[in-house]
Amino acid sequence: MEDIIAIVLLFGGGTLIALSLSPIGRAIADRIKGVGSGSSGDVVRQLEETQGHVLDELDALRQEVAEVQERLDFTERLLANQRDVGRLEQGSAGEG
């Protein structure tokens, strides 16, 4: 049993040391300390700015979709009118 514990401690300790020296280990340590890319206030501010930009883009896309829908409705009405005119012309030619 002591052999297994010794092996686990050796490999586990070596892994932890290697991890602590790597960039990932440093990032984890900075995250735990609260140091790094910014304080939580900065992060919240950045998220709010990003949310504002996303909402602005969403509003712009909604406007574009509404314009495309209006154009589609207009095109459908034009096509329907052309079909109606074609039917009327065929009907009047067949009667005469």
C-alpha atoms as a PDB file:
ATOM      1  CA  MET A   1       0.000   0.000   0.000  1.00  0.00           C
ATOM      2  CA  GLU A   2       2.857   2.396   0.751  1.00  0.00           C
ATOM      3  CA  ASP A   3       4.252   1.760  -2.725  1.00  0.00           C
ATOM      4  CA  ILE A   4       1.041   2.962  -4.350  1.00  0.00           C
ATOM      5  CA  ILE A   5       0.936   6.085  -2.176  1.00  0.00           C
ATOM      6  CA  ALA A   6       4.567   6.847  -3.014  1.00  0.00           C
ATOM      7  CA  ILE A   7       3.908   6.474  -6.746  1.00  0.00           C
ATOM      8  CA  VAL A   8       0.796   8.686  -6.570  1.00  0.00           C
ATOM      9  CA  LEU A   9       2.669  11.364  -4.623  1.00  0.00           C
ATOM     10  CA  LEU A  10       5.620  11.291  -7.014  1.00  0.00           C
ATOM     11  CA  PHE A  11       3.601  11.479 -10.195  1.00  0.00           C
ATOM     12  CA  GLY A  12       0.945  13.780  -8.720  1.00  0.00           C
ATOM     13  CA  GLY A  13       3.546  16.140  -7.307  1.00  0.00           C
ATOM     14  CA  GLY A  14       5.494  16.176 -10.548  1.00  0.00           C
ATOM     15  CA  THR A  15       2.327  16.891 -12.492  1.00  0.00           C
ATOM     16  CA  LEU A  16       1.376  19.749 -10.160  1.00  0.00           C
ATOM     17  CA  ILE A  17       4.827  21.305 -10.425  1.00  0.00           C
ATOM     18  CA  ALA A  18       4.778  21.056 -14.217  1.00  0.00           C
ATOM     19  CA  LEU A  19       1.272  22.541 -14.296  1.00  0.00           C
ATOM     20  CA  SER A  20       2.222  25.420 -12.012  1.00  0.00           C
ATOM     21  CA  LEU A  21       5.110  26.382 -14.306  1.00  0.00           C
ATOM     22  CA  SER A  22       3.022  26.244 -17.477  1.00  0.00           C
ATOM     23  CA  PRO A  23       1.000  29.196 -18.831  1.00  0.00           C
ATOM     24  CA  ILE A  24      -2.202  27.341 -17.992  1.00  0.00           C
ATOM     25  CA  GLY A  25      -1.084  26.923 -14.386  1.00  0.00           C
ATOM     26  CA  ARG A  26      -0.247  30.625 -14.156  1.00  0.00           C
ATOM     27  CA  ALA A  27      -3.625  31.569 -15.587  1.00  0.00           C
ATOM     28  CA  ILE A  28      -5.377  29.338 -13.065  1.00  0.00           C
ATOM     29  CA  ALA A  29      -3.334  30.857 -10.237  1.00  0.00           C
ATOM     30  CA  ASP A  30      -4.107  34.400 -11.420  1.00  0.00           C
ATOM     31  CA  ARG A  31      -7.786  33.529 -11.632  1.00  0.00           C
ATOM     32  CA  ILE A  32      -7.752  32.200  -8.077  1.00  0.00           C
ATOM     33  CA  LYS A  33      -5.928  35.310  -6.845  1.00  0.00           C
ATOM     34  CA  GLY A  34      -8.279  37.627  -8.746  1.00  0.00           C
ATOM     35  CA  VAL A  35      -5.398  39.088 -10.719  1.00  0.00           C
ATOM     36  CA  GLY A  36      -5.021  39.050 -14.436  1.00  0.00           C
ATOM     37  CA  SER A  37      -7.120  40.423 -17.262  1.00  0.00           C
ATOM     38  CA  GLY A  38      -8.982  42.807 -14.968  1.00  0.00           C
ATOM     39  CA  SER A  39     -11.099  43.125 -11.918  1.00  0.00           C
ATOM     40  CA  SER A  40     -14.659  41.931 -11.791  1.00  0.00           C
ATOM     41  CA  GLY A  41     -15.868  45.507 -12.366  1.00  0.00           C
ATOM     42  CA  ASP A  42     -13.925  45.676 -15.615  1.00  0.00           C
ATOM     43  CA  VAL A  43     -15.291  42.334 -16.701  1.00  0.00           C
ATOM     44  CA  VAL A  44     -18.863  43.424 -15.961  1.00  0.00           C
ATOM     45  CA  ARG A  45     -18.336  46.672 -17.883  1.00  0.00           C
ATOM     46  CA  GLN A  46     -16.929  44.781 -20.872  1.00  0.00           C
ATOM     47  CA  LEU A  47     -19.861  42.371 -20.810  1.00  0.00           C
ATOM     48  CA  GLU A  48     -22.346  45.252 -20.688  1.00  0.00           C
ATOM     49  CA  GLU A  49     -20.628  46.939 -23.643  1.00  0.00           C
ATOM     50  CA  THR A  50     -20.670  43.698 -25.592  1.00  0.00           C
ATOM     51  CA  GLN A  51     -24.328  43.188 -24.753  1.00  0.00           C
ATOM     52  CA  GLY A  52     -25.090  46.718 -25.978  1.00  0.00           C
ATOM     53  CA  HIS A  53     -23.316  46.066 -29.278  1.00  0.00           C
ATOM     54  CA  VAL A  54     -25.129  42.759 -29.746  1.00  0.00           C
ATOM     55  CA  LEU A  55     -28.503  44.382 -29.044  1.00  0.00           C
ATOM     56  CA  ASP A  56     -27.738  47.185 -31.518  1.00  0.00           C
ATOM     57  CA  GLU A  57     -26.850  44.631 -34.193  1.00  0.00           C
ATOM     58  CA  LEU A  58     -30.011  42.674 -33.399  1.00  0.00           C
ATOM     59  CA  ASP A  59     -32.139  45.798 -33.872  1.00  0.00           C
ATOM     60  CA  ALA A  60     -30.422  46.509 -37.198  1.00  0.00           C
ATOM     61  CA  LEU A  61     -31.063  42.945 -38.347  1.00  0.00           C
ATOM     62  CA  ARG A  62     -34.723  43.213 -37.342  1.00  0.00           C
ATOM     63  CA  GLN A  63     -35.062  46.358 -39.447  1.00  0.00           C
ATOM     64  CA  GLU A  64     -33.405  44.670 -42.410  1.00  0.00           C
ATOM     65  CA  VAL A  65     -35.693  41.647 -42.117  1.00  0.00           C
ATOM     66  CA  ALA A  66     -38.737  43.940 -41.954  1.00  0.00           C
ATOM     67  CA  GLU A  67     -37.569  45.742 -45.120  1.00  0.00           C
ATOM     68  CA  VAL A  68     -36.987  42.442 -46.905  1.00  0.00           C
ATOM     69  CA  GLN A  69     -40.462  41.276 -45.861  1.00  0.00           C
ATOM     70  CA  GLU A  70     -42.005  44.469 -47.268  1.00  0.00           C
ATOM     71  CA  ARG A  71     -40.143  43.984 -50.551  1.00  0.00           C
ATOM     72  CA  LEU A  72     -41.271  40.373 -50.716  1.00  0.00           C
ATOM     73  CA  ASP A  73     -44.887  41.378 -50.120  1.00  0.00           C
ATOM     74  CA  PHE A  74     -44.625  44.030 -52.843  1.00  0.00           C
ATOM     75  CA  THR A  75     -43.128  41.516 -55.286  1.00  0.00           C
ATOM     76  CA  GLU A  76     -45.841  38.979 -54.518  1.00  0.00           C
ATOM     77  CA  ARG A  77     -48.533  41.612 -55.173  1.00  0.00           C
ATOM     78  CA  LEU A  78     -46.914  42.527 -58.505  1.00  0.00           C
ATOM     79  CA  LEU A  79     -46.759  38.900 -59.563  1.00  0.00           C
ATOM     80  CA  ALA A  80     -50.362  38.329 -58.529  1.00  0.00           C
ATOM     81  CA  ASN A  81     -51.465  41.397 -60.534  1.00  0.00           C
ATOM     82  CA  GLN A  82     -49.585  40.179 -63.615  1.00  0.00           C
ATOM     83  CA  ARG A  83     -51.267  36.773 -63.353  1.00  0.00           C
ATOM     84  CA  ASP A  84     -54.666  38.416 -62.989  1.00  0.00           C
ATOM     85  CA  VAL A  85     -54.056  40.630 -66.038  1.00  0.00           C
ATOM     86  CA  GLY A  86     -52.929  37.608 -68.051  1.00  0.00           C
ATOM     87  CA  ARG A  87     -56.073  35.697 -67.087  1.00  0.00           C
ATOM     88  CA  LEU A  88     -58.312  38.632 -67.973  1.00  0.00           C
ATOM     89  CA  GLU A  89     -56.648  38.983 -71.383  1.00  0.00           C
ATOM     90  CA  GLN A  90     -57.029  35.253 -72.066  1.00  0.00           C
ATOM     91  CA  GLY A  91     -60.657  35.337 -70.958  1.00  0.00           C
ATOM     92  CA  SER A  92     -61.561  38.314 -73.143  1.00  0.00           C
ATOM     93  CA  ALA A  93     -59.743  36.828 -76.161  1.00  0.00           C
ATOM     94  CA  GLY A  94     -61.608  33.562 -75.780  1.00  0.00           C
ATOM     95  CA  GLU A  95     -65.003  35.269 -75.628  1.00  0.00           C
ATOM     96  CA  GLY A  96     -64.563  37.284 -78.802  1.00  0.00           C
END
